């Protein structure tokens, strides 16, 4: 993985959170990377998108970290990250906050994150909205390196209700929050002793259109494995670092929109 740092400006160096750019990235457990590098998991042990509400069930699935190509050709990625001292409130705040300034995205992963720009910054700065409402139905234009050089990515954050999640269970011990986006990605956070754990899922090749789930790749076409593996490794890296960053930055910057 690259150790070259994303460049910052002189103006960035004056910001209150620039100090976090100067810190080394936090290392993820090596066995998490090794799990991915050994190759794809058995697709029969992946969680199909149609069964996404099983994430609310207690316990763990047999495979919580890994990637594969599903029998229908779509791609699947999963990850599990322990986040000591992190709450659902902090996690929602982060997704409301970081799209308002490029450096905020860069301190998340100073080796790979160049910028993330919300197209609805006025919504993100609206003091009448909750943290969730600040990022729901916003589009972020992202430039980052997920393993094959920097690339542009468009992320459309959504209300979990619009993507078929059982929102009646959010805010219960089963789930403190879900950050989700179309095409389909979800960061599912639940409380554990001493903090939270994050269960991430990507279902590549699916999207929601007016609440209806649709497959976006043609029948007979299979997603390649390489980008799935690369994104899996990147996800481990970035969220391990965010787990260490959030408990410190949230009390300092929570009102700095």
Protein backbone atom coordinates (compact mmCIF):
# COMPACT_ATOMS: atom_id res chain seq x y z
CA UNK A 1 0.00 0.00 0.00
CA UNK A 2 1.23 3.45 -0.90
CA UNK A 3 2.90 5.53 1.76
CA UNK A 4 2.91 8.70 -0.35
CA UNK A 5 0.76 11.37 1.28
CA UNK A 6 -2.05 13.28 -0.37
CA UNK A 7 -0.85 16.88 -0.83
CA UNK A 8 -2.38 19.68 1.23
CA UNK A 9 -2.41 23.46 0.81
CA UNK A 10 -0.93 26.20 2.96
CA UNK A 11 -4.50 27.15 3.85
CA UNK A 12 -5.14 23.60 5.05
CA UNK A 13 -2.22 23.89 7.47
CA UNK A 14 -4.04 26.68 9.33
CA UNK A 15 -7.14 24.58 10.05
CA UNK A 16 -7.84 23.28 13.54
CA UNK A 17 -7.94 19.65 12.38
CA UNK A 18 -4.75 19.75 10.30
CA UNK A 19 -2.94 18.15 13.26
CA UNK A 20 -4.61 14.86 12.39
CA UNK A 21 -3.03 14.91 8.94
CA UNK A 22 0.36 14.79 10.65
CA UNK A 23 -0.43 11.53 12.44
CA UNK A 24 0.54 8.11 11.13
CA UNK A 25 -2.28 5.90 9.92
CA UNK A 26 -3.44 3.36 12.48
CA UNK A 27 -2.60 -0.20 11.45
CA UNK A 28 -5.45 -2.65 10.98
CA UNK A 29 -5.13 -6.17 12.38
CA UNK A 30 -2.92 -7.98 9.82
CA UNK A 31 -5.18 -11.01 9.87
CA UNK A 32 -7.96 -8.87 8.34
CA UNK A 33 -5.80 -8.07 5.32
CA UNK A 34 -4.59 -11.68 5.15
CA UNK A 35 -8.18 -12.89 5.08
CA UNK A 36 -8.85 -10.83 1.95
CA UNK A 37 -5.53 -11.60 0.27
CA UNK A 38 -6.17 -15.35 0.54
CA UNK A 39 -8.87 -14.94 -2.11
CA UNK A 40 -12.65 -14.71 -2.35
CA UNK A 41 -15.03 -16.18 0.19
CA UNK A 42 -17.59 -18.83 -0.69
CA UNK A 43 -20.56 -16.93 -2.24
CA UNK A 44 -22.95 -19.19 -0.30
CA UNK A 45 -21.62 -17.55 2.88
CA UNK A 46 -22.16 -13.99 1.63
CA UNK A 47 -25.26 -12.00 2.60
CA UNK A 48 -27.48 -11.49 -0.48
CA UNK A 49 -28.84 -7.97 -0.83
CA UNK A 50 -32.38 -9.33 -0.66
CA UNK A 51 -31.61 -10.48 2.91
CA UNK A 52 -29.99 -7.21 4.06
CA UNK A 53 -32.28 -6.89 7.08
CA UNK A 54 -30.60 -9.96 8.57
CA UNK A 55 -27.90 -7.51 9.66
CA UNK A 56 -30.24 -6.64 12.54
CA UNK A 57 -30.00 -10.19 13.89
CA UNK A 58 -27.72 -10.69 16.92
CA UNK A 59 -24.36 -12.39 16.55
CA UNK A 60 -22.25 -12.73 13.43
CA UNK A 61 -22.34 -14.42 10.07
CA UNK A 62 -19.81 -17.11 9.26
CA UNK A 63 -18.00 -14.65 6.98
CA UNK A 64 -17.85 -11.02 8.15
CA UNK A 65 -14.75 -10.00 6.19
CA UNK A 66 -14.24 -10.82 2.53
CA UNK A 67 -15.35 -10.44 -1.06
CA UNK A 68 -16.71 -12.58 -3.86
CA UNK A 69 -18.59 -12.57 -7.14
CA UNK A 70 -22.14 -13.78 -6.55
CA UNK A 71 -23.76 -16.41 -8.79
CA UNK A 72 -25.74 -13.67 -10.55
CA UNK A 73 -22.50 -11.86 -11.45
CA UNK A 74 -22.84 -9.03 -8.94
CA UNK A 75 -20.04 -8.17 -6.53
CA UNK A 76 -20.05 -8.52 -2.75
CA UNK A 77 -17.76 -7.00 -0.11
CA UNK A 78 -18.00 -7.22 3.67
CA UNK A 79 -15.95 -5.86 6.54
CA UNK A 80 -16.04 -5.73 10.34
CA UNK A 81 -14.23 -3.02 12.33
CA UNK A 82 -14.23 -2.56 16.09
CA UNK A 83 -14.62 1.11 17.06
CA UNK A 84 -13.85 1.69 20.76
CA UNK A 85 -15.36 4.89 22.12
CA UNK A 86 -17.41 5.55 18.97
CA UNK A 87 -21.17 6.18 19.09
CA UNK A 88 -23.82 6.25 16.39
CA UNK A 89 -24.05 10.02 16.87
CA UNK A 90 -20.35 10.42 16.09
CA UNK A 91 -20.65 8.25 13.01
CA UNK A 92 -23.61 10.20 11.61
CA UNK A 93 -21.81 13.47 12.38
CA UNK A 94 -18.78 12.35 10.41
CA UNK A 95 -20.79 11.76 7.24
CA UNK A 96 -22.54 15.11 7.66
CA UNK A 97 -19.25 16.93 8.33
CA UNK A 98 -16.49 15.57 6.14
CA UNK A 99 -17.97 16.49 2.74
CA UNK A 100 -17.79 20.21 3.54
CA UNK A 101 -13.99 20.57 3.20
CA UNK A 102 -11.41 18.47 1.36
CA UNK A 103 -8.98 18.26 4.27
CA UNK A 104 -11.67 16.58 6.35
CA UNK A 105 -11.73 13.70 3.92
CA UNK A 106 -7.95 13.60 3.69
CA UNK A 107 -7.38 13.24 7.45
CA UNK A 108 -9.56 10.13 7.31
CA UNK A 109 -6.92 8.46 5.11
CA UNK A 110 -4.02 10.76 4.29
CA UNK A 111 -2.54 8.25 1.83
CA UNK A 112 -5.58 7.70 -0.39
CA UNK A 113 -8.28 10.36 0.15
CA UNK A 114 -7.84 13.45 -2.02
CA UNK A 115 -11.24 15.10 -1.71
CA UNK A 116 -14.93 14.57 -1.10
CA UNK A 117 -17.23 17.43 -2.01
CA UNK A 118 -20.89 17.51 -1.04
CA UNK A 119 -23.06 18.98 -3.78
CA UNK A 120 -25.50 20.14 -1.08
CA UNK A 121 -23.21 22.03 1.30
CA UNK A 122 -26.00 24.39 2.39
CA UNK A 123 -27.92 21.35 3.63
CA UNK A 124 -24.86 20.13 5.53
CA UNK A 125 -24.59 23.49 7.28
CA UNK A 126 -28.29 23.84 8.10
CA UNK A 127 -28.44 24.01 11.93
CA UNK A 128 -32.10 22.94 11.95
CA UNK A 129 -31.28 19.49 10.55
CA UNK A 130 -30.11 16.45 12.49
CA UNK A 131 -26.76 14.91 11.60
CA UNK A 132 -28.57 12.24 9.58
CA UNK A 133 -30.69 14.75 7.70
CA UNK A 134 -27.59 16.78 6.81
CA UNK A 135 -26.26 13.94 4.61
CA UNK A 136 -29.41 12.08 3.54
CA UNK A 137 -30.14 12.71 -0.13
CA UNK A 138 -26.81 14.38 -0.76
CA UNK A 139 -24.31 13.54 -3.48
CA UNK A 140 -20.58 13.53 -2.76
CA UNK A 141 -18.06 13.83 -5.58
CA UNK A 142 -15.09 11.83 -4.32
CA UNK A 143 -11.55 11.54 -5.64
CA UNK A 144 -9.61 8.75 -3.98
CA UNK A 145 -7.30 5.80 -4.54
CA UNK A 146 -8.94 2.50 -3.66
CA UNK A 147 -6.09 0.42 -5.01
CA UNK A 148 -5.68 1.16 -8.69
CA UNK A 149 -4.71 4.84 -8.70
CA UNK A 150 -6.86 7.91 -7.90
CA UNK A 151 -10.30 7.88 -9.50
CA UNK A 152 -13.53 9.85 -9.39
CA UNK A 153 -16.42 8.25 -7.52
CA UNK A 154 -19.97 9.54 -7.06
CA UNK A 155 -21.70 8.59 -3.80
CA UNK A 156 -25.42 9.19 -3.30
CA UNK A 157 -26.25 8.99 0.41
CA UNK A 158 -29.80 7.91 1.20
CA UNK A 159 -32.24 7.48 4.05
CA UNK A 160 -32.08 3.76 4.98
CA UNK A 161 -35.86 3.61 4.67
CA UNK A 162 -35.52 4.34 0.94
CA UNK A 163 -33.26 1.31 0.56
CA UNK A 164 -35.50 -1.21 2.24
CA UNK A 165 -33.95 -1.31 5.70
CA UNK A 166 -36.20 -1.86 8.71
CA UNK A 167 -35.72 1.58 10.23
CA UNK A 168 -37.91 0.72 13.22
CA UNK A 169 -34.87 -1.15 14.58
CA UNK A 170 -32.43 1.76 14.23
CA UNK A 171 -31.69 3.28 17.61
CA UNK A 172 -32.12 -0.07 19.37
CA UNK A 173 -29.38 -2.39 20.68
CA UNK A 174 -29.47 -4.11 17.27
CA UNK A 175 -28.31 -1.00 15.41
CA UNK A 176 -27.34 2.54 16.39
CA UNK A 177 -27.27 3.89 12.82
CA UNK A 178 -26.96 2.92 9.16
CA UNK A 179 -25.12 5.09 6.67
CA UNK A 180 -26.08 3.88 3.21
CA UNK A 181 -25.68 4.92 -0.39
CA UNK A 182 -26.99 4.07 -3.84
CA UNK A 183 -25.55 2.09 -5.71
CA UNK A 184 -25.76 -0.12 -2.78
CA UNK A 185 -23.41 0.28 0.14
CA UNK A 186 -24.19 0.25 3.84
CA UNK A 187 -22.22 0.99 6.98
CA UNK A 188 -24.19 -0.73 9.73
CA UNK A 189 -23.17 0.32 13.25
CA UNK A 190 -24.19 -1.42 16.46
CA UNK A 191 -23.25 -0.95 20.09
CA UNK A 192 -20.80 -3.26 21.80
CA UNK A 193 -19.18 -2.97 25.19
CA UNK A 194 -16.91 0.07 25.18
CA UNK A 195 -18.08 1.48 21.85
CA UNK A 196 -19.36 0.22 18.52
CA UNK A 197 -18.63 -2.22 15.75
CA UNK A 198 -19.04 -1.43 12.10
CA UNK A 199 -20.37 -4.01 9.65
CA UNK A 200 -19.93 -2.76 6.10
CA UNK A 201 -21.52 -4.30 3.04
CA UNK A 202 -21.18 -3.43 -0.65
CA UNK A 203 -23.52 -5.01 -3.16
CA UNK A 204 -21.95 -3.97 -6.47
CA UNK A 205 -24.20 -4.22 -9.49
CA UNK A 206 -27.39 -3.29 -7.63
CA UNK A 207 -29.25 0.00 -7.21
CA UNK A 208 -32.55 1.33 -5.94
CA UNK A 209 -34.86 3.23 -8.27
CA UNK A 210 -37.88 4.82 -6.56
CA UNK A 211 -37.59 2.28 -3.78
CA UNK A 212 -37.36 -0.69 -6.12
CA UNK A 213 -34.25 -2.89 -6.16
CA UNK A 214 -32.81 -3.35 -9.64
CA UNK A 215 -29.82 -5.25 -10.97
CA UNK A 216 -27.63 -2.87 -12.96
CA UNK A 217 -25.35 -5.32 -14.76
CA UNK A 218 -26.64 -7.49 -17.59
CA UNK A 219 -27.39 -11.15 -17.06
CA UNK A 220 -24.41 -13.26 -18.04
CA UNK A 221 -21.91 -10.55 -17.10
CA UNK A 222 -19.71 -11.06 -14.03
CA UNK A 223 -17.92 -8.36 -12.08
CA UNK A 224 -14.12 -8.78 -12.01
CA UNK A 225 -12.57 -9.81 -8.71
CA UNK A 226 -9.70 -7.32 -8.60
CA UNK A 227 -11.69 -4.14 -7.83
CA UNK A 228 -13.67 -6.01 -5.18
CA UNK A 229 -10.50 -7.16 -3.44
CA UNK A 230 -8.94 -3.70 -3.71
CA UNK A 231 -11.99 -1.98 -2.22
CA UNK A 232 -12.14 -4.57 0.56
CA UNK A 233 -8.53 -3.84 1.51
CA UNK A 234 -9.11 -0.08 1.31
CA UNK A 235 -12.21 -0.33 3.48
CA UNK A 236 -10.26 -2.16 6.19
CA UNK A 237 -7.58 0.53 6.09
CA UNK A 238 -9.76 3.63 6.12
CA UNK A 239 -12.25 2.54 8.77
CA UNK A 240 -9.56 1.28 11.13
CA UNK A 241 -8.10 4.79 10.99
CA UNK A 242 -11.51 6.45 11.39
CA UNK A 243 -12.15 4.33 14.49
CA UNK A 244 -9.13 5.95 16.16
CA UNK A 245 -9.89 9.45 14.87
CA UNK A 246 -13.59 9.86 15.67
CA UNK A 247 -13.57 9.84 19.50
CA UNK A 248 -10.95 12.61 19.50
CA UNK A 249 -12.15 14.84 16.68
CA UNK A 250 -15.89 14.75 17.43
CA UNK A 251 -15.79 16.74 20.71
CA UNK A 252 -13.41 19.26 19.17
CA UNK A 253 -15.17 19.88 15.85
CA UNK A 254 -18.77 18.81 16.33
CA UNK A 255 -20.13 22.36 15.98
CA UNK A 256 -17.67 23.45 13.27
CA UNK A 257 -19.82 23.10 10.18
